């Protein structure tokens, strides 16, 4: 495995969600803004760079890419919240077992 993230991987929904989640977690350490806004900004940038710039878009393409950015943002937020909830549940259960 020579490359962890490839342009082909970033062009997929899962790749964009993973990249937006990682970028949001890094960026929230530097910016005192709600991470949901950072996630939306990151999703818009990722969709623009990966989908819109390589091909000249029409009006319907721009609308679809904005919609895709919203879906990527929502999935990235959901991924983070699910992971955070799982860690809380695991830490509670391990704390209860040690008592």
Protein backbone atom coordinates (compact mmCIF):
# COMPACT_ATOMS: atom_id res chain seq x y z
CA UNK A 1 0.00 0.00 0.00
CA UNK A 2 1.91 3.01 -1.26
CA UNK A 3 -0.81 5.63 -0.87
CA UNK A 4 -3.33 6.06 1.91
CA UNK A 5 -5.59 8.59 0.20
CA UNK A 6 -5.80 8.69 -3.58
CA UNK A 7 -7.77 11.02 -5.87
CA UNK A 8 -10.00 8.07 -6.79
CA UNK A 9 -10.73 7.43 -3.11
CA UNK A 10 -11.49 11.12 -2.45
CA UNK A 11 -13.92 11.05 -5.35
CA UNK A 12 -16.13 8.56 -3.50
CA UNK A 13 -18.70 9.39 -0.84
CA UNK A 14 -16.84 7.39 1.82
CA UNK A 15 -13.54 9.04 0.91
CA UNK A 16 -15.00 12.53 1.17
CA UNK A 17 -16.69 11.74 4.49
CA UNK A 18 -13.43 10.39 5.92
CA UNK A 19 -11.44 13.40 4.68
CA UNK A 20 -14.02 15.94 5.91
CA UNK A 21 -14.17 14.25 9.32
CA UNK A 22 -10.39 14.33 9.65
CA UNK A 23 -10.10 17.92 8.42
CA UNK A 24 -12.84 19.05 10.81
CA UNK A 25 -11.18 17.43 13.81
CA UNK A 26 -7.88 19.09 12.96
CA UNK A 27 -9.37 22.50 12.12
CA UNK A 28 -11.49 22.74 15.27
CA UNK A 29 -8.26 22.86 17.29
CA UNK A 30 -7.31 26.10 15.54
CA UNK A 31 -10.65 27.85 14.98
CA UNK A 32 -13.12 28.69 17.73
CA UNK A 33 -16.16 28.03 15.54
CA UNK A 34 -18.86 25.39 15.84
CA UNK A 35 -17.36 22.23 14.25
CA UNK A 36 -20.53 21.78 12.19
CA UNK A 37 -19.70 24.96 10.26
CA UNK A 38 -16.13 23.79 9.80
CA UNK A 39 -17.46 20.49 8.47
CA UNK A 40 -19.74 22.25 6.00
CA UNK A 41 -16.87 24.46 4.80
CA UNK A 42 -14.57 21.47 4.44
CA UNK A 43 -17.25 19.56 2.52
CA UNK A 44 -17.80 22.48 0.15
CA UNK A 45 -14.06 22.79 -0.48
CA UNK A 46 -13.64 19.04 -1.01
CA UNK A 47 -16.57 18.83 -3.45
CA UNK A 48 -15.32 21.87 -5.33
CA UNK A 49 -11.78 20.56 -5.64
CA UNK A 50 -12.70 16.95 -6.44
CA UNK A 51 -15.81 17.33 -8.56
CA UNK A 52 -16.38 20.85 -9.87
CA UNK A 53 -12.88 22.01 -10.86
CA UNK A 54 -11.95 19.03 -13.08
CA UNK A 55 -15.05 19.47 -15.26
CA UNK A 56 -16.77 22.74 -16.21
CA UNK A 57 -20.14 22.45 -14.44
CA UNK A 58 -23.54 23.45 -15.67
CA UNK A 59 -26.19 24.98 -13.42
CA UNK A 60 -27.72 21.60 -12.54
CA UNK A 61 -24.25 20.21 -11.76
CA UNK A 62 -23.58 23.06 -9.33
CA UNK A 63 -26.86 22.38 -7.54
CA UNK A 64 -26.10 18.65 -7.31
CA UNK A 65 -22.60 19.28 -5.99
CA UNK A 66 -23.95 21.64 -3.31
CA UNK A 67 -26.43 18.95 -2.36
CA UNK A 68 -23.61 16.40 -2.28
CA UNK A 69 -21.62 18.70 0.01
CA UNK A 70 -24.56 18.87 2.43
CA UNK A 71 -24.83 15.06 2.43
CA UNK A 72 -21.08 14.68 3.00
CA UNK A 73 -21.24 17.22 5.84
CA UNK A 74 -24.16 15.43 7.48
CA UNK A 75 -22.49 12.05 7.18
CA UNK A 76 -19.22 13.40 8.61
CA UNK A 77 -21.05 14.90 11.60
CA UNK A 78 -22.98 11.66 12.09
CA UNK A 79 -19.79 9.61 11.87
CA UNK A 80 -18.13 11.71 14.55
CA UNK A 81 -21.18 11.72 16.85
CA UNK A 82 -21.56 7.93 16.52
CA UNK A 83 -17.89 7.41 17.36
CA UNK A 84 -18.11 9.77 20.32
CA UNK A 85 -21.20 7.96 21.61
CA UNK A 86 -19.52 4.57 21.25
CA UNK A 87 -16.47 5.75 23.20
CA UNK A 88 -18.69 7.10 25.99
CA UNK A 89 -20.59 3.81 26.16
CA UNK A 90 -17.40 1.78 26.27
CA UNK A 91 -15.82 3.99 28.91
CA UNK A 92 -18.96 3.78 31.08
CA UNK A 93 -19.10 0.00 30.81
CA UNK A 94 -15.41 -0.39 31.65
CA UNK A 95 -15.82 1.98 34.63
CA UNK A 96 -18.81 -0.01 35.87
CA UNK A 97 -16.86 -3.27 35.65
CA UNK A 98 -14.00 -1.93 37.79
CA UNK A 99 -16.33 -0.95 40.64
